[in-house]
Amino acid sequence: MRARYSAYVRHQDTFLMASWHPSTRPAELTHEPGLLWRHLDVSHSDHTDDTGSVHFSATWQQGERWGILQEKARFTREAGHWYYLDGDVSHLPLAPERNKDCPCGSGRKYKRCCRP
């Protein structure tokens, strides 16, 4: 999961497509202009034999807008390789406060970190 998150951050579409199961893989990927992935939090993962799931939250920023993508992602293992199948996704708005910790996870105050 962390590798796929890093690939989204870096727009490494070749890796994303190769790690996506062919039965659910889209024909192409599109990236939202100006969207920056700021933080990943994996809250739970489990697997049995050749199936697995990962529960995670990914924080994003687009200009002054912030949000959290939460997903319970499903994976399958074939020939020793794990592939992303699909996931239950929800989107939550996020309103960072100037004097609170930055939602990017840096530990710094928002006003001194990612605030545009």
Protein backbone atom coordinates (compact mmCIF):
# COMPACT_ATOMS: atom_id res chain seq x y z
CA MET A 1 0.00 0.00 0.00
CA ARG A 2 2.77 2.43 0.86
CA ALA A 3 4.39 1.78 -2.52
CA ARG A 4 1.14 2.62 -4.33
CA TYR A 5 0.73 5.80 -2.25
CA SER A 6 4.29 6.86 -3.11
CA ALA A 7 3.59 6.13 -6.78
CA TYR A 8 0.52 8.41 -6.65
CA VAL A 9 2.61 11.15 -5.01
CA ARG A 10 5.24 10.87 -7.78
CA HIS A 11 2.78 10.24 -10.66
CA GLN A 12 4.45 6.90 -11.44
CA ASP A 13 1.63 5.57 -13.59
CA THR A 14 3.64 2.62 -14.91
CA PHE A 15 3.98 1.17 -11.40
CA LEU A 16 0.35 1.94 -10.52
CA MET A 17 -0.97 0.15 -13.60
CA ALA A 18 1.38 -2.83 -13.10
CA SER A 19 0.27 -3.23 -9.47
CA TRP A 20 -3.45 -3.03 -10.37
CA HIS A 21 -5.21 -6.33 -11.07
CA PRO A 22 -6.06 -6.64 -14.79
CA SER A 23 -9.72 -7.44 -14.01
CA THR A 24 -10.30 -4.00 -12.42
CA ARG A 25 -7.50 -1.89 -13.94
CA PRO A 26 -8.69 1.28 -15.72
CA ALA A 27 -7.60 1.98 -19.28
CA GLU A 28 -5.74 5.09 -18.13
CA LEU A 29 -5.10 7.15 -15.02
CA THR A 30 -5.89 10.80 -14.57
CA HIS A 31 -4.40 13.03 -11.90
CA GLU A 32 -6.27 15.99 -10.47
CA PRO A 33 -4.32 19.16 -11.42
CA GLY A 34 -2.61 20.78 -8.44
CA LEU A 35 -3.52 17.99 -6.02
CA LEU A 36 -0.73 17.19 -3.55
CA TRP A 37 -0.77 14.06 -1.39
CA ARG A 38 0.48 15.14 2.04
CA HIS A 39 0.19 12.22 4.49
CA LEU A 40 -0.64 8.51 4.65
CA ASP A 41 -1.92 6.72 7.73
CA VAL A 42 -2.40 2.95 7.51
CA SER A 43 -4.75 2.02 10.35
CA HIS A 44 -5.18 -1.72 9.74
CA SER A 45 -4.12 -4.46 7.37
CA ASP A 46 -4.74 -8.18 7.23
CA HIS A 47 -4.44 -11.08 4.83
CA THR A 48 -5.33 -14.73 4.56
CA ASP A 49 -3.64 -16.87 1.95
CA ASP A 50 -4.04 -14.92 -1.29
CA THR A 51 -6.42 -12.12 -0.28
CA GLY A 52 -5.82 -9.06 1.85
CA SER A 53 -7.13 -5.67 2.82
CA VAL A 54 -5.66 -2.38 3.98
CA HIS A 55 -7.57 0.38 5.77
CA PHE A 56 -5.93 3.76 5.28
CA SER A 57 -6.44 7.51 5.24
CA ALA A 58 -4.59 9.75 2.79
CA THR A 59 -4.53 13.51 3.35
CA TRP A 60 -4.46 15.76 0.29
CA GLN A 61 -4.14 19.46 -0.44
CA GLN A 62 -5.23 21.39 -3.50
CA GLY A 63 -4.47 25.08 -3.10
CA GLU A 64 -6.29 26.11 0.08
CA ARG A 65 -8.60 23.06 0.01
CA TRP A 66 -7.78 20.00 2.11
CA GLY A 67 -9.41 16.62 2.40
CA ILE A 68 -9.00 13.04 3.50
CA LEU A 69 -9.53 10.00 1.31
CA GLN A 70 -10.41 6.96 3.43
CA GLU A 71 -10.36 3.53 1.86
CA LYS A 72 -10.64 -0.12 2.70
CA ALA A 73 -8.61 -1.49 -0.20
CA ARG A 74 -8.76 -5.11 -1.33
CA PHE A 75 -5.75 -6.96 -2.72
CA THR A 76 -5.14 -10.38 -4.23
CA ARG A 77 -1.92 -12.36 -4.62
CA GLU A 78 -1.17 -14.14 -7.89
CA ALA A 79 2.12 -15.85 -8.73
CA GLY A 80 3.70 -14.30 -5.63
CA HIS A 81 2.72 -10.70 -6.48
CA TRP A 82 0.11 -8.60 -4.70
CA TYR A 83 -2.35 -6.66 -6.90
CA TYR A 84 -4.83 -3.95 -5.96
CA LEU A 85 -8.40 -5.03 -6.77
CA ASP A 86 -10.72 -2.28 -5.56
CA GLY A 87 -11.84 -0.48 -2.44
CA ASP A 88 -14.62 1.15 -0.48
CA VAL A 89 -13.76 4.84 -0.67
CA SER A 90 -15.08 7.86 1.19
CA HIS A 91 -14.01 11.51 0.94
CA LEU A 92 -14.02 13.90 3.89
CA PRO A 93 -13.37 17.65 3.82
CA LEU A 94 -10.66 18.93 6.15
CA ALA A 95 -10.37 22.46 7.52
CA PRO A 96 -6.91 22.98 9.04
CA GLU A 97 -6.67 25.61 11.75
CA ARG A 98 -3.87 28.15 11.58
CA ASN A 99 -2.43 27.45 15.06
CA LYS A 100 -2.99 23.66 15.09
CA ASP A 101 -0.65 20.94 13.88
CA CYS A 102 -0.36 20.76 10.11
CA PRO A 103 -2.41 17.89 8.62
CA CYS A 104 0.60 16.84 6.53
CA GLY A 105 2.01 15.09 9.61
CA SER A 106 5.18 17.21 9.91
CA GLY A 107 4.52 18.09 13.56
CA ARG A 108 4.78 21.80 12.73
CA LYS A 109 1.99 24.36 13.05
CA TYR A 110 -0.14 24.74 9.91
CA LYS A 111 0.68 28.49 9.68
CA ARG A 112 4.41 27.64 9.41
CA CYS A 113 4.14 24.56 7.19
CA CYS A 114 1.74 23.89 4.30
CA ARG A 115 -0.47 26.97 4.55
CA PRO A 116 -0.52 28.65 1.13
